[in-house]
Protein backbone atom coordinates (compact mmCIF):
# COMPACT_ATOMS: atom_id res chain seq x y z
CA MET A 1 48.52 -46.44 69.15
CA ARG A 2 49.20 -42.75 69.01
CA TYR A 3 51.55 -43.45 66.20
CA ILE A 4 48.85 -45.26 64.13
CA ILE A 5 46.31 -42.47 64.70
CA SER A 6 48.88 -39.88 63.64
CA ILE A 7 49.61 -41.77 60.43
CA CYS A 8 45.88 -42.16 59.66
CA LEU A 9 45.32 -38.43 60.20
CA LEU A 10 48.30 -37.64 58.00
CA VAL A 11 46.93 -39.86 55.21
CA ILE A 12 43.47 -38.27 55.49
CA VAL A 13 44.96 -34.76 55.30
CA ALA A 14 47.12 -35.71 52.32
CA VAL A 15 44.18 -37.17 50.42
CA SER A 16 41.94 -34.20 51.18
CA CYS A 17 44.58 -31.76 49.92
CA LYS A 18 44.11 -32.99 46.36
CA ASN A 19 44.56 -30.27 43.70
CA SER A 20 41.21 -28.49 43.51
CA ASN A 21 42.11 -26.85 40.19
CA GLU A 22 41.70 -30.08 38.29
CA LYS A 23 38.67 -30.03 36.06
CA PRO A 24 36.48 -33.07 35.96
CA LYS A 25 36.90 -35.03 32.78
CA GLN A 26 34.11 -34.45 30.27
CA LYS A 27 32.79 -37.17 28.10
CA ALA A 28 33.27 -36.60 24.38
CA VAL A 29 29.94 -35.80 22.78
CA LYS A 30 29.42 -37.62 19.54
CA PRO A 31 27.80 -35.29 16.97
CA THR A 32 24.46 -36.51 15.76
CA LYS A 33 22.66 -35.88 12.52
CA GLU A 34 20.26 -33.64 14.43
CA ASN A 35 23.18 -31.56 15.82
CA TRP A 36 24.51 -31.00 12.30
CA ILE A 37 21.08 -30.11 10.95
CA GLU A 38 20.53 -27.59 13.74
CA ALA A 39 24.00 -26.07 13.29
CA ASN A 40 23.45 -25.69 9.53
CA ARG A 41 20.00 -24.18 10.12
CA ILE A 42 21.52 -21.54 12.41
CA VAL A 43 24.29 -20.74 9.91
CA ALA A 44 21.73 -20.45 7.08
CA GLU A 45 19.54 -18.10 9.15
CA LYS A 46 22.52 -15.85 9.95
CA GLU A 47 23.54 -15.82 6.29
CA ASP A 48 19.97 -14.96 5.23
CA GLU A 49 20.04 -12.01 7.68
CA LEU A 50 23.30 -10.85 6.09
CA ILE A 51 21.81 -11.15 2.58
CA ASN A 52 18.68 -9.24 3.61
CA SER A 53 20.81 -6.49 5.15
CA PHE A 54 22.78 -6.26 1.88
CA ILE A 55 19.54 -5.99 -0.12
CA ASN A 56 17.90 -3.49 2.25
CA ARG A 57 20.83 -1.07 1.89
CA ARG A 58 19.86 -0.79 -1.79
CA LYS A 59 16.51 0.96 -1.63
CA ASP A 60 15.55 0.48 -5.28
CA TRP A 61 16.01 -3.30 -5.34
CA ASP A 62 12.91 -5.49 -5.34
CA MET A 63 14.25 -9.02 -5.14
CA THR A 64 12.35 -12.32 -5.13
CA LYS A 65 13.49 -15.28 -3.02
CA THR A 66 13.35 -18.71 -4.66
CA GLY A 67 12.60 -21.94 -2.81
CA LEU A 68 16.36 -22.64 -2.81
CA GLY A 69 17.09 -19.41 -0.94
CA VAL A 70 18.49 -17.55 -3.96
CA TYR A 71 17.41 -13.92 -4.39
CA TYR A 72 17.01 -12.42 -7.85
CA GLU A 73 15.61 -9.43 -9.67
CA VAL A 74 15.34 -8.80 -13.40
CA TYR A 75 16.16 -5.10 -13.80
CA GLU A 76 16.01 -5.08 -17.61
CA LYS A 77 13.72 -7.52 -19.39
CA GLY A 78 14.96 -9.33 -22.44
CA THR A 79 12.85 -10.29 -25.42
CA GLY A 80 14.26 -13.77 -25.95
CA SER A 81 12.91 -17.19 -25.10
CA THR A 82 12.92 -18.77 -21.67
CA ILE A 83 15.93 -20.87 -20.79
CA HIS A 84 15.75 -24.63 -20.34
CA VAL A 85 18.02 -27.43 -19.12
CA GLY A 86 20.38 -28.63 -21.85
CA GLU A 87 20.52 -25.30 -23.69
CA LYS A 88 23.77 -23.42 -24.11
CA ILE A 89 23.73 -19.74 -23.20
CA THR A 90 26.26 -16.94 -22.93
CA ILE A 91 26.45 -14.89 -19.76
CA LYS A 92 28.34 -11.66 -19.19
CA TYR A 93 28.69 -11.19 -15.45
CA SER A 94 30.32 -9.57 -12.49
CA LEU A 95 30.80 -11.41 -9.23
CA ILE A 96 31.03 -9.51 -5.94
CA LEU A 97 31.18 -10.74 -2.36
CA LEU A 98 28.71 -9.15 0.05
CA ASP A 99 31.56 -7.31 1.77
CA GLY A 100 32.13 -5.42 -1.51
CA THR A 101 35.14 -7.41 -2.73
CA VAL A 102 35.01 -7.55 -6.53
CA VAL A 103 35.95 -11.05 -7.66
CA ARG A 104 35.20 -10.56 -11.37
CA GLU A 105 34.27 -7.38 -13.23
CA LYS A 106 31.54 -7.37 -15.86
CA SER A 107 33.34 -6.83 -19.16
CA ASP A 108 33.53 -8.18 -22.67
CA ASN A 109 36.40 -10.37 -21.42
CA ASN A 110 34.16 -11.92 -18.81
CA ILE A 111 31.64 -13.73 -20.98
CA VAL A 112 31.14 -17.46 -20.57
CA THR A 113 29.17 -20.01 -22.54
CA VAL A 114 27.60 -22.68 -20.37
CA GLU A 115 25.17 -25.54 -20.71
CA ILE A 116 22.24 -25.22 -18.33
CA GLY A 117 21.97 -28.09 -15.85
CA ALA A 118 25.40 -29.50 -16.67
CA GLY A 119 27.12 -28.29 -13.48
CA GLU A 120 29.19 -25.69 -15.33
CA MET A 121 28.29 -22.93 -12.86
CA VAL A 122 27.28 -22.82 -9.21
CA LYS A 123 23.95 -24.53 -8.56
CA GLY A 124 22.17 -21.42 -7.29
CA LEU A 125 23.00 -19.45 -10.44
CA ASP A 126 22.22 -22.39 -12.73
CA LYS A 127 18.76 -22.88 -11.18
CA THR A 128 17.97 -19.15 -11.18
CA VAL A 129 18.97 -18.64 -14.82
CA GLN A 130 16.22 -21.16 -15.67
CA LEU A 131 13.70 -18.58 -14.38
CA LEU A 132 14.96 -15.93 -16.83
CA ARG A 133 14.78 -15.15 -20.55
CA ARG A 134 17.47 -14.60 -23.12
CA GLY A 135 18.44 -10.93 -23.08
CA ASP A 136 17.53 -10.41 -19.40
CA LYS A 137 19.76 -8.39 -17.13
CA ALA A 138 19.43 -9.50 -13.54
CA ARG A 139 20.86 -9.33 -10.05
CA VAL A 140 21.28 -12.68 -8.33
CA ILE A 141 22.41 -13.34 -4.75
CA VAL A 142 23.41 -16.94 -4.15
CA PRO A 143 23.74 -18.19 -0.55
CA SER A 144 26.89 -20.16 0.19
CA GLY A 145 25.07 -23.50 0.28
CA MET A 146 24.06 -23.00 -3.36
CA GLY A 147 27.44 -21.49 -4.28
CA TYR A 148 30.91 -22.65 -3.20
CA GLY A 149 29.78 -23.91 0.20
CA ALA A 150 31.74 -24.35 3.39
CA THR A 151 35.12 -24.50 1.63
CA GLY A 152 34.98 -21.64 -0.87
CA ASN A 153 36.89 -22.18 -4.09
CA GLY A 154 40.36 -22.11 -2.58
CA LYS A 155 41.34 -18.89 -4.34
CA ASP A 156 39.21 -15.76 -4.30
CA ILE A 157 35.95 -17.04 -2.76
CA PRO A 158 36.23 -17.62 1.00
CA PRO A 159 34.37 -20.36 2.88
CA ARG A 160 30.62 -19.78 3.44
CA ALA A 161 30.52 -16.72 1.17
CA ALA A 162 27.24 -15.53 -0.30
CA LEU A 163 27.75 -14.34 -3.89
CA TYR A 164 26.26 -11.35 -5.70
CA TYR A 165 26.11 -11.71 -9.48
CA ASP A 166 25.11 -9.01 -11.94
CA ILE A 167 24.38 -10.92 -15.14
CA GLU A 168 23.41 -10.27 -18.75
CA ILE A 169 22.14 -13.28 -20.67
CA GLY A 170 22.94 -13.31 -24.36
CA VAL A 171 20.13 -13.47 -26.88
C-alpha cells in the first residue's frame, strides 16, 4: 500500500512540475472590416498631423483643405479658364516628400501634358487641379491615400508618403 501511495505522490508531483514558462495559446483574431476601418482612420489622422506640422513650419502659407484631405494654395493667380475633366493641360512641377527629399525638380525638362480625369496623375493632384485655373501657380499636398498609397511607387516614393507638389499650370 505504501508503494501505491508513493507512486501516486510521485505522479502528482511530476504533473504539478509542468513548465510554468509556457504561454497559453492565443486564438487567432480574424480581422474585421471595422478593424481595418479603425486602423486606416488612425493612420490618416497621424498623417494629417504630419501634414499640418509641415504646413505650420511655413508661416506664410495659407492652405485650404479639400473634402478629400488634399491641401492646396494658389500663390500666383493665373488669368486662364478653369480646368475641367477631359481637358488636356500642361503642368510644370516639382515633387518633394515631407521629409525634404526632392523626387523631381521643377524645370523645363519636367513638364507633362495630361488629360484631366483620365488617371494620368495621382488622384489627389488630378482632383485639386480641377479647382484651379490655367496659369495658376500652386502648392498642393496630397495625402498618401490620394497619392501612391500603402505601397508607394516602388522606386522613389516610399509607402504611405504624403506628397508636396509645387505646380505651374500652362495657359
